[in-house]
C-alpha atoms as a PDB file:
ATOM      1  CA  MET A   1     101.933  53.903 139.979  1.00  0.00           C
ATOM      2  CA  LEU A   2     100.188  53.523 142.958  1.00  0.00           C
ATOM      3  CA  THR A   3     100.291  49.700 142.636  1.00  0.00           C
ATOM      4  CA  ASP A   4     104.354  49.655 143.028  1.00  0.00           C
ATOM      5  CA  GLY A   5     103.465  51.667 145.685  1.00  0.00           C
ATOM      6  CA  TYR A   6     101.392  48.703 147.357  1.00  0.00           C
ATOM      7  CA  ALA A   7     103.848  46.219 146.260  1.00  0.00           C
ATOM      8  CA  LEU A   8     106.731  47.930 147.902  1.00  0.00           C
ATOM      9  CA  GLN A   9     104.197  48.471 151.523  1.00  0.00           C
ATOM     10  CA  MET A  10     104.027  45.106 151.035  1.00  0.00           C
ATOM     11  CA  ALA A  11     107.407  43.951 150.793  1.00  0.00           C
ATOM     12  CA  THR A  12     108.067  46.676 154.575  1.00  0.00           C
ATOM     13  CA  LEU A  13     104.963  44.477 156.080  1.00  0.00           C
ATOM     14  CA  GLU A  14     106.734  41.477 155.855  1.00  0.00           C
ATOM     15  CA  CYS A  15     110.545  42.837 156.206  1.00  0.00           C
ATOM     16  CA  LEU A  16     108.550  44.130 160.124  1.00  0.00           C
ATOM     17  CA  LYS A  17     107.754  40.736 160.715  1.00  0.00           C
ATOM     18  CA  GLY A  18     110.237  38.772 159.571  1.00  0.00           C
ATOM     19  CA  GLU A  19     112.020  41.148 162.409  1.00  0.00           C
ATOM     20  CA  GLY A  20     109.333  40.141 164.896  1.00  0.00           C
ATOM     21  CA  TYR A  21     107.356  42.819 165.230  1.00  0.00           C
ATOM     22  CA  GLY A  22     103.900  41.849 165.516  1.00  0.00           C
ATOM     23  CA  GLY A  23     100.495  42.676 166.349  1.00  0.00           C
ATOM     24  CA  PHE A  24      99.763  44.134 162.674  1.00  0.00           C
ATOM     25  CA  ARG A  25      95.849  44.614 161.012  1.00  0.00           C
ATOM     26  CA  ASP A  26      95.422  42.688 157.193  1.00  0.00           C
ATOM     27  CA  PRO A  27      96.559  45.166 155.138  1.00  0.00           C
ATOM     28  CA  PRO A  28      94.486  47.049 152.556  1.00  0.00           C
ATOM     29  CA  THR A  29      93.705  45.095 149.334  1.00  0.00           C
ATOM     30  CA  LEU A  30      94.563  46.712 146.479  1.00  0.00           C
ATOM     31  CA  GLN A  31      92.043  48.076 145.112  1.00  0.00           C
ATOM     32  CA  SER A  32      91.290  49.477 149.312  1.00  0.00           C
ATOM     33  CA  TYR A  33      95.230  51.349 148.459  1.00  0.00           C
ATOM     34  CA  ILE A  34      94.050  52.470 144.963  1.00  0.00           C
ATOM     35  CA  ASP A  35      91.441  53.871 146.369  1.00  0.00           C
ATOM     36  CA  SER A  36      92.734  55.724 149.345  1.00  0.00           C
ATOM     37  CA  ARG A  37      95.685  57.269 146.777  1.00  0.00           C
ATOM     38  CA  GLY A  38      97.966  54.828 148.889  1.00  0.00           C
ATOM     39  CA  SER A  39      96.972  55.844 152.474  1.00  0.00           C
ATOM     40  CA  TRP A  40      98.043  52.826 154.735  1.00  0.00           C
ATOM     41  CA  VAL A  41     101.848  52.656 155.502  1.00  0.00           C
ATOM     42  CA  PRO A  42     102.809  49.621 157.502  1.00  0.00           C
ATOM     43  CA  TYR A  43     105.130  51.615 160.344  1.00  0.00           C
ATOM     44  CA  GLY A  44     101.696  53.596 161.209  1.00  0.00           C
ATOM     45  CA  GLU A  45     101.412  50.571 162.943  1.00  0.00           C
ATOM     46  CA  LEU A  46     104.316  50.269 164.582  1.00  0.00           C
ATOM     47  CA  PRO A  47     104.201  50.793 169.033  1.00  0.00           C
ATOM     48  CA  ALA A  48     105.692  53.525 170.421  1.00  0.00           C
ATOM     49  CA  MET A  49     109.763  52.403 170.821  1.00  0.00           C
ATOM     50  CA  PRO A  50     113.236  54.183 172.019  1.00  0.00           C
ATOM     51  CA  GLU A  51     114.569  56.322 169.580  1.00  0.00           C
ATOM     52  CA  ASP A  52     117.381  53.779 168.470  1.00  0.00           C
ATOM     53  CA  ASP A  53     114.895  51.100 167.614  1.00  0.00           C
ATOM     54  CA  TRP A  54     113.546  53.394 165.733  1.00  0.00           C
ATOM     55  CA  ILE A  55     116.904  54.171 163.688  1.00  0.00           C
ATOM     56  CA  GLN A  56     118.066  49.951 163.732  1.00  0.00           C
ATOM     57  CA  ILE A  57     114.515  48.917 162.673  1.00  0.00           C
ATOM     58  CA  GLN A  58     114.415  52.033 159.429  1.00  0.00           C
ATOM     59  CA  GLN A  59     117.567  50.700 158.341  1.00  0.00           C
ATOM     60  CA  ILE A  60     116.718  47.241 158.535  1.00  0.00           C
ATOM     61  CA  CYS A  61     113.218  47.818 156.703  1.00  0.00           C
ATOM     62  CA  PRO A  62     113.495  51.295 155.389  1.00  0.00           C
ATOM     63  CA  GLN A  63     109.980  52.836 154.810  1.00  0.00           C
ATOM     64  CA  PRO A  64     109.160  52.920 150.948  1.00  0.00           C
ATOM     65  CA  ASN A  65     109.294  56.599 149.804  1.00  0.00           C
ATOM     66  CA  ILE A  66     106.383  56.911 147.916  1.00  0.00           C
ATOM     67  CA  SER A  67     104.142  60.300 148.409  1.00  0.00           C
ATOM     68  CA  PRO A  68     100.439  60.330 146.337  1.00  0.00           C
ATOM     69  CA  ASP A  69     101.713  63.525 144.398  1.00  0.00           C
ATOM     70  CA  ASP A  70     104.111  60.397 142.559  1.00  0.00           C
ATOM     71  CA  TYR A  71     100.322  59.420 141.035  1.00  0.00           C
END
């Protein structure tokens, strides 16, 4: 369900912030997330980084495995 996907994305956002990443725009509301069929992902707002850093942050704050086909 999209509400579950939203909760996972919000948890990912908090994890990324906890690791010191900033500059995120305000996340969409749950209703906006649902209306967009779950198109918002916090990883889309991260800056470019070296591959080693990218791999490390994905291990610390894994991206949720969510597909619009799941809904």
